[in-house]
Amino acid sequence: MVQAYILIQTEVGRAAHVASEISGIEGVTQADDVTGPYDVVVRAQADDVDALGRLVVARIQRLDGIARTLTCPIVNI
């Protein structure tokens, strides 16, 4: 199991809508509006890195209102 934080920049005024839509995607465990350089922070999980990539590219990045994403996989040190 791979887990990651996905930091999302949205178009102006779209953060709440984007977070709401993302929270309904399978594999997303949390989606919150935040302030700062990113507008939405998502916690997600997938079976492996390839599945995580598909989740981000095929499901999350295709939503209207998303300008940019940054995926940060969680590591256990």
N, C-alpha and C. Protein backbone atom coordinates (compact mmCIF):
# COMPACT_ATOMS: atom_id res chain seq x y z
N MET A 1 0.85 -1.18 0.00
CA MET A 1 0.00 0.00 0.00
C MET A 1 0.89 1.24 0.00
N VAL A 2 0.61 2.16 -0.89
CA VAL A 2 1.32 3.43 -0.99
C VAL A 2 0.35 4.54 -0.59
N GLN A 3 0.83 5.45 0.25
CA GLN A 3 0.03 6.61 0.63
C GLN A 3 0.78 7.87 0.24
N ALA A 4 0.02 8.94 -0.03
CA ALA A 4 0.66 10.19 -0.44
C ALA A 4 -0.23 11.37 -0.08
N TYR A 5 0.43 12.52 0.05
CA TYR A 5 -0.27 13.79 0.11
C TYR A 5 -0.20 14.39 -1.28
N ILE A 6 -1.30 14.93 -1.74
CA ILE A 6 -1.34 15.59 -3.04
C ILE A 6 -1.69 17.04 -2.78
N LEU A 7 -0.77 17.93 -3.12
CA LEU A 7 -0.96 19.36 -2.92
C LEU A 7 -1.49 19.94 -4.22
N ILE A 8 -2.59 20.68 -4.12
CA ILE A 8 -3.29 21.13 -5.33
C ILE A 8 -3.46 22.64 -5.34
N GLN A 9 -3.11 23.24 -6.46
CA GLN A 9 -3.43 24.64 -6.72
C GLN A 9 -4.65 24.64 -7.63
N THR A 10 -5.64 25.45 -7.27
CA THR A 10 -6.87 25.52 -8.06
C THR A 10 -6.98 26.89 -8.72
N GLU A 11 -7.92 26.99 -9.63
CA GLU A 11 -8.28 28.29 -10.18
C GLU A 11 -8.93 29.09 -9.05
N VAL A 12 -8.87 30.40 -9.14
CA VAL A 12 -9.40 31.27 -8.10
C VAL A 12 -10.88 30.95 -7.84
N GLY A 13 -11.20 30.78 -6.55
CA GLY A 13 -12.58 30.55 -6.16
C GLY A 13 -13.09 29.13 -6.33
N ARG A 14 -12.21 28.19 -6.71
CA ARG A 14 -12.66 26.82 -6.99
C ARG A 14 -12.25 25.80 -5.93
N ALA A 15 -11.55 26.22 -4.88
CA ALA A 15 -10.99 25.27 -3.91
C ALA A 15 -12.07 24.41 -3.25
N ALA A 16 -13.12 24.99 -2.76
CA ALA A 16 -14.16 24.23 -2.06
C ALA A 16 -14.81 23.21 -2.99
N HIS A 17 -15.09 23.61 -4.21
CA HIS A 17 -15.71 22.71 -5.18
C HIS A 17 -14.77 21.56 -5.53
N VAL A 18 -13.50 21.87 -5.75
CA VAL A 18 -12.51 20.85 -6.09
C VAL A 18 -12.37 19.85 -4.93
N ALA A 19 -12.24 20.34 -3.70
CA ALA A 19 -12.10 19.45 -2.54
C ALA A 19 -13.32 18.54 -2.40
N SER A 20 -14.49 19.08 -2.63
CA SER A 20 -15.71 18.29 -2.54
C SER A 20 -15.73 17.18 -3.58
N GLU A 21 -15.38 17.51 -4.82
CA GLU A 21 -15.37 16.51 -5.89
C GLU A 21 -14.31 15.44 -5.64
N ILE A 22 -13.14 15.85 -5.20
CA ILE A 22 -12.05 14.90 -4.97
C ILE A 22 -12.39 13.94 -3.84
N SER A 23 -13.07 14.41 -2.83
CA SER A 23 -13.37 13.55 -1.68
C SER A 23 -14.21 12.33 -2.06
N GLY A 24 -14.89 12.39 -3.19
CA GLY A 24 -15.70 11.26 -3.64
C GLY A 24 -14.96 10.26 -4.51
N ILE A 25 -13.69 10.48 -4.77
CA ILE A 25 -12.91 9.59 -5.62
C ILE A 25 -12.37 8.43 -4.80
N GLU A 26 -12.51 7.21 -5.32
CA GLU A 26 -12.00 6.03 -4.63
C GLU A 26 -10.48 6.14 -4.47
N GLY A 27 -10.01 5.89 -3.27
CA GLY A 27 -8.58 5.99 -2.98
C GLY A 27 -8.24 7.26 -2.23
N VAL A 28 -9.13 8.24 -2.26
CA VAL A 28 -8.93 9.49 -1.52
C VAL A 28 -9.48 9.28 -0.11
N THR A 29 -8.64 9.49 0.90
CA THR A 29 -9.07 9.29 2.28
C THR A 29 -9.41 10.61 2.96
N GLN A 30 -8.90 11.73 2.43
CA GLN A 30 -9.20 13.04 3.01
C GLN A 30 -8.90 14.12 1.98
N ALA A 31 -9.71 15.17 1.96
CA ALA A 31 -9.48 16.32 1.09
C ALA A 31 -9.91 17.57 1.85
N ASP A 32 -8.97 18.48 2.04
CA ASP A 32 -9.24 19.68 2.82
C ASP A 32 -8.84 20.94 2.08
N ASP A 33 -9.65 21.99 2.23
CA ASP A 33 -9.27 23.33 1.76
C ASP A 33 -8.24 23.87 2.73
N VAL A 34 -7.21 24.51 2.23
CA VAL A 34 -6.19 25.12 3.09
C VAL A 34 -5.84 26.50 2.55
N THR A 35 -5.08 27.26 3.34
CA THR A 35 -4.58 28.55 2.86
C THR A 35 -3.08 28.42 2.62
N GLY A 36 -2.54 29.33 1.85
CA GLY A 36 -1.11 29.29 1.54
C GLY A 36 -0.89 29.07 0.06
N PRO A 37 0.27 28.55 -0.31
CA PRO A 37 0.58 28.38 -1.73
C PRO A 37 -0.27 27.31 -2.42
N TYR A 38 -0.87 26.40 -1.63
CA TYR A 38 -1.76 25.39 -2.19
C TYR A 38 -3.16 25.64 -1.64
N ASP A 39 -4.16 25.21 -2.39
CA ASP A 39 -5.55 25.47 -2.04
C ASP A 39 -6.26 24.26 -1.45
N VAL A 40 -5.82 23.07 -1.84
CA VAL A 40 -6.42 21.83 -1.36
C VAL A 40 -5.28 20.85 -1.07
N VAL A 41 -5.39 20.15 0.06
CA VAL A 41 -4.46 19.08 0.39
C VAL A 41 -5.26 17.80 0.49
N VAL A 42 -4.79 16.78 -0.24
CA VAL A 42 -5.49 15.50 -0.31
C VAL A 42 -4.58 14.42 0.25
N ARG A 43 -5.16 13.50 1.00
CA ARG A 43 -4.43 12.29 1.39
C ARG A 43 -5.06 11.15 0.62
N ALA A 44 -4.22 10.35 -0.03
CA ALA A 44 -4.73 9.27 -0.87
C ALA A 44 -3.91 8.01 -0.65
N GLN A 45 -4.48 6.89 -1.06
CA GLN A 45 -3.77 5.62 -0.98
C GLN A 45 -4.07 4.79 -2.21
N ALA A 46 -3.12 3.92 -2.56
CA ALA A 46 -3.27 3.04 -3.71
C ALA A 46 -2.44 1.78 -3.46
N ASP A 47 -2.67 0.76 -4.26
CA ASP A 47 -1.96 -0.50 -4.07
C ASP A 47 -0.46 -0.38 -4.33
N ASP A 48 -0.06 0.44 -5.31
CA ASP A 48 1.35 0.61 -5.62
C ASP A 48 1.56 1.98 -6.27
N VAL A 49 2.80 2.31 -6.58
CA VAL A 49 3.12 3.63 -7.13
C VAL A 49 2.44 3.86 -8.47
N ASP A 50 2.37 2.83 -9.30
CA ASP A 50 1.71 2.98 -10.60
C ASP A 50 0.22 3.31 -10.43
N ALA A 51 -0.43 2.63 -9.51
CA ALA A 51 -1.85 2.91 -9.25
C ALA A 51 -2.03 4.31 -8.69
N LEU A 52 -1.10 4.75 -7.85
CA LEU A 52 -1.15 6.12 -7.33
C LEU A 52 -1.02 7.12 -8.48
N GLY A 53 -0.11 6.87 -9.38
CA GLY A 53 0.05 7.74 -10.55
C GLY A 53 -1.21 7.81 -11.39
N ARG A 54 -1.85 6.66 -11.60
CA ARG A 54 -3.11 6.66 -12.36
C ARG A 54 -4.19 7.44 -11.64
N LEU A 55 -4.25 7.31 -10.31
CA LEU A 55 -5.23 8.06 -9.53
C LEU A 55 -5.04 9.56 -9.73
N VAL A 56 -3.80 10.01 -9.64
CA VAL A 56 -3.52 11.44 -9.76
C VAL A 56 -3.76 11.93 -11.19
N VAL A 57 -3.18 11.24 -12.17
CA VAL A 57 -3.25 11.73 -13.55
C VAL A 57 -4.61 11.51 -14.19
N ALA A 58 -5.18 10.34 -14.02
CA ALA A 58 -6.43 10.01 -14.72
C ALA A 58 -7.68 10.48 -13.99
N ARG A 59 -7.61 10.61 -12.67
CA ARG A 59 -8.82 10.96 -11.93
C ARG A 59 -8.78 12.38 -11.37
N ILE A 60 -7.72 12.73 -10.67
CA ILE A 60 -7.68 14.01 -9.98
C ILE A 60 -7.34 15.16 -10.93
N GLN A 61 -6.28 15.03 -11.71
CA GLN A 61 -5.86 16.15 -12.58
C GLN A 61 -6.89 16.49 -13.65
N ARG A 62 -7.78 15.61 -13.95
CA ARG A 62 -8.78 15.87 -15.00
C ARG A 62 -9.99 16.67 -14.52
N LEU A 63 -10.08 16.91 -13.21
CA LEU A 63 -11.22 17.67 -12.69
C LEU A 63 -11.11 19.14 -13.09
N ASP A 64 -12.25 19.74 -13.37
CA ASP A 64 -12.28 21.16 -13.69
C ASP A 64 -11.86 21.98 -12.48
N GLY A 65 -11.06 23.00 -12.73
CA GLY A 65 -10.66 23.92 -11.68
C GLY A 65 -9.29 23.66 -11.11
N ILE A 66 -8.64 22.56 -11.50
CA ILE A 66 -7.30 22.26 -11.00
C ILE A 66 -6.27 22.85 -11.94
N ALA A 67 -5.36 23.64 -11.35
CA ALA A 67 -4.30 24.26 -12.15
C ALA A 67 -3.00 23.45 -12.10
N ARG A 68 -2.68 22.88 -10.91
CA ARG A 68 -1.39 22.20 -10.75
C ARG A 68 -1.47 21.27 -9.54
N THR A 69 -0.74 20.14 -9.62
CA THR A 69 -0.66 19.23 -8.48
C THR A 69 0.80 18.90 -8.17
N LEU A 70 1.04 18.54 -6.93
CA LEU A 70 2.34 18.05 -6.49
C LEU A 70 2.08 16.86 -5.59
N THR A 71 2.58 15.68 -5.99
CA THR A 71 2.34 14.46 -5.24
C THR A 71 3.54 14.17 -4.35
N CYS A 72 3.28 13.95 -3.06
CA CYS A 72 4.33 13.69 -2.07
C CYS A 72 4.06 12.34 -1.42
N PRO A 73 4.71 11.27 -1.90
CA PRO A 73 4.51 9.95 -1.29
C PRO A 73 5.01 9.94 0.15
N ILE A 74 4.30 9.22 1.00
CA ILE A 74 4.67 9.08 2.40
C ILE A 74 5.71 7.97 2.51
N VAL A 75 6.78 8.24 3.25
CA VAL A 75 7.82 7.23 3.48
C VAL A 75 7.86 6.90 4.96
N ASN A 76 8.19 5.67 5.26
CA ASN A 76 8.32 5.22 6.64
C ASN A 76 9.80 5.00 6.93
N ILE A 77 10.36 5.92 7.71
CA ILE A 77 11.80 5.87 7.99
C ILE A 77 12.03 5.26 9.36
